[in-house]
Amino acid sequence: MALISDSMSERSVKVALLLAFASGVLVGWQANRVRRRYLDWRKRRLQDQLAVTQKKLDLSCKQKPQETLETKLTSFKTELMGLHRYIKKIMFFHT
């Protein structure tokens, strides 16, 4: 090997390449674990928000007269559909 200096042997180059590859695999694995933890946390948070919104919807259906109920229902449905889309997106990226 003409490109390798006398002080560096072929074995030391192979060891350096192996260490670089192994550290890349380890860093990638840890990054994926952190990403999955974040996605799990985000999924739980959005599901909690969805549960709170559904509870609000149930309470508003019981307490309000029919005229304002339809406008409230429309806004809550819109909010629920948005949260549902986020949860679906997270489920898609989570798998």
Protein backbone atom coordinates (compact mmCIF):
# COMPACT_ATOMS: atom_id res chain seq x y z
CA MET A 1 0.00 0.00 0.00
CA ALA A 2 1.70 3.13 -1.19
CA LEU A 3 -0.80 5.51 0.43
CA ILE A 4 -0.19 4.24 3.96
CA SER A 5 2.83 5.66 5.70
CA ASP A 6 5.42 3.47 7.36
CA SER A 7 4.15 4.29 10.85
CA MET A 8 0.64 2.97 10.05
CA SER A 9 0.31 -0.70 9.32
CA GLU A 10 -2.55 -2.29 7.43
CA ARG A 11 -3.78 -3.91 10.64
CA SER A 12 -4.09 -0.58 12.47
CA VAL A 13 -6.13 0.82 9.55
CA LYS A 14 -8.47 -2.19 9.70
CA VAL A 15 -8.87 -1.80 13.46
CA ALA A 16 -9.62 1.93 13.07
CA LEU A 17 -12.26 1.19 10.40
CA LEU A 18 -13.84 -1.49 12.57
CA LEU A 19 -14.00 0.88 15.55
CA ALA A 20 -15.52 3.65 13.41
CA PHE A 21 -18.18 1.28 12.06
CA ALA A 22 -18.99 -0.09 15.52
CA SER A 23 -19.32 3.38 17.01
CA GLY A 24 -21.61 4.42 14.13
CA VAL A 25 -23.85 1.41 14.74
CA LEU A 26 -23.98 2.16 18.47
CA VAL A 27 -24.79 5.85 17.96
CA GLY A 28 -27.51 4.99 15.41
CA TRP A 29 -29.06 2.44 17.75
CA GLN A 30 -29.15 4.93 20.63
CA ALA A 31 -30.60 7.65 18.41
CA ASN A 32 -33.38 5.28 17.31
CA ARG A 33 -34.17 4.44 20.97
CA VAL A 34 -34.44 8.15 21.81
CA ARG A 35 -36.65 8.74 18.75
CA ARG A 36 -39.00 5.89 19.72
CA ARG A 37 -39.21 7.16 23.31
CA TYR A 38 -40.15 10.61 22.00
CA LEU A 39 -42.80 9.14 19.69
CA ASP A 40 -44.26 7.06 22.54
CA TRP A 41 -44.41 10.16 24.74
CA ARG A 42 -46.04 12.20 21.97
CA LYS A 43 -48.58 9.46 21.29
CA ARG A 44 -49.54 9.28 24.99
CA ARG A 45 -49.82 13.08 25.17
CA LEU A 46 -52.07 13.26 22.11
CA GLN A 47 -54.22 10.39 23.36
CA ASP A 48 -54.62 12.22 26.68
CA GLN A 49 -55.60 15.39 24.82
CA LEU A 50 -58.11 13.38 22.81
CA ALA A 51 -59.61 11.92 25.99
CA VAL A 52 -59.93 15.39 27.55
CA THR A 53 -61.58 16.74 24.41
CA GLN A 54 -64.00 13.83 24.29
CA LYS A 55 -64.86 14.44 27.95
CA LYS A 56 -65.49 18.12 27.17
CA LEU A 57 -67.70 17.08 24.28
CA ASP A 58 -69.70 14.73 26.49
CA LEU A 59 -70.13 17.41 29.15
CA SER A 60 -71.16 20.07 26.65
CA CYS A 61 -73.74 17.72 25.15
CA LYS A 62 -75.33 17.24 28.57
CA GLN A 63 -75.35 20.89 29.68
CA LYS A 64 -76.07 23.12 26.66
CA PRO A 65 -79.35 23.80 24.83
CA GLN A 66 -79.78 22.47 21.30
CA GLU A 67 -79.00 25.73 19.39
CA THR A 68 -75.50 26.19 20.77
CA LEU A 69 -74.92 22.45 21.01
CA GLU A 70 -74.62 22.05 17.25
CA THR A 71 -71.98 24.78 16.96
CA LYS A 72 -70.03 23.31 19.89
CA LEU A 73 -70.34 19.84 18.42
CA THR A 74 -68.96 21.00 15.09
CA SER A 75 -65.93 22.67 16.68
CA PHE A 76 -65.22 19.64 18.89
CA LYS A 77 -65.53 17.27 15.93
CA THR A 78 -63.01 19.37 14.05
CA GLU A 79 -60.63 19.28 17.01
CA LEU A 80 -61.10 15.53 17.44
CA MET A 81 -60.42 14.89 13.77
CA GLY A 82 -57.20 16.92 14.02
CA LEU A 83 -56.03 14.97 17.06
CA HIS A 84 -57.00 11.71 15.38
CA ARG A 85 -54.87 12.64 12.34
CA TYR A 86 -51.87 13.36 14.58
CA ILE A 87 -52.25 10.01 16.34
CA LYS A 88 -52.48 8.20 12.99
CA LYS A 89 -49.36 10.00 11.79
CA ILE A 90 -47.47 9.01 14.92
CA MET A 91 -48.63 5.42 14.60
CA PHE A 92 -47.37 5.44 10.99
CA PHE A 93 -43.93 6.73 11.96
CA HIS A 94 -43.79 4.57 15.06
CA THR A 95 -43.88 1.30 13.15
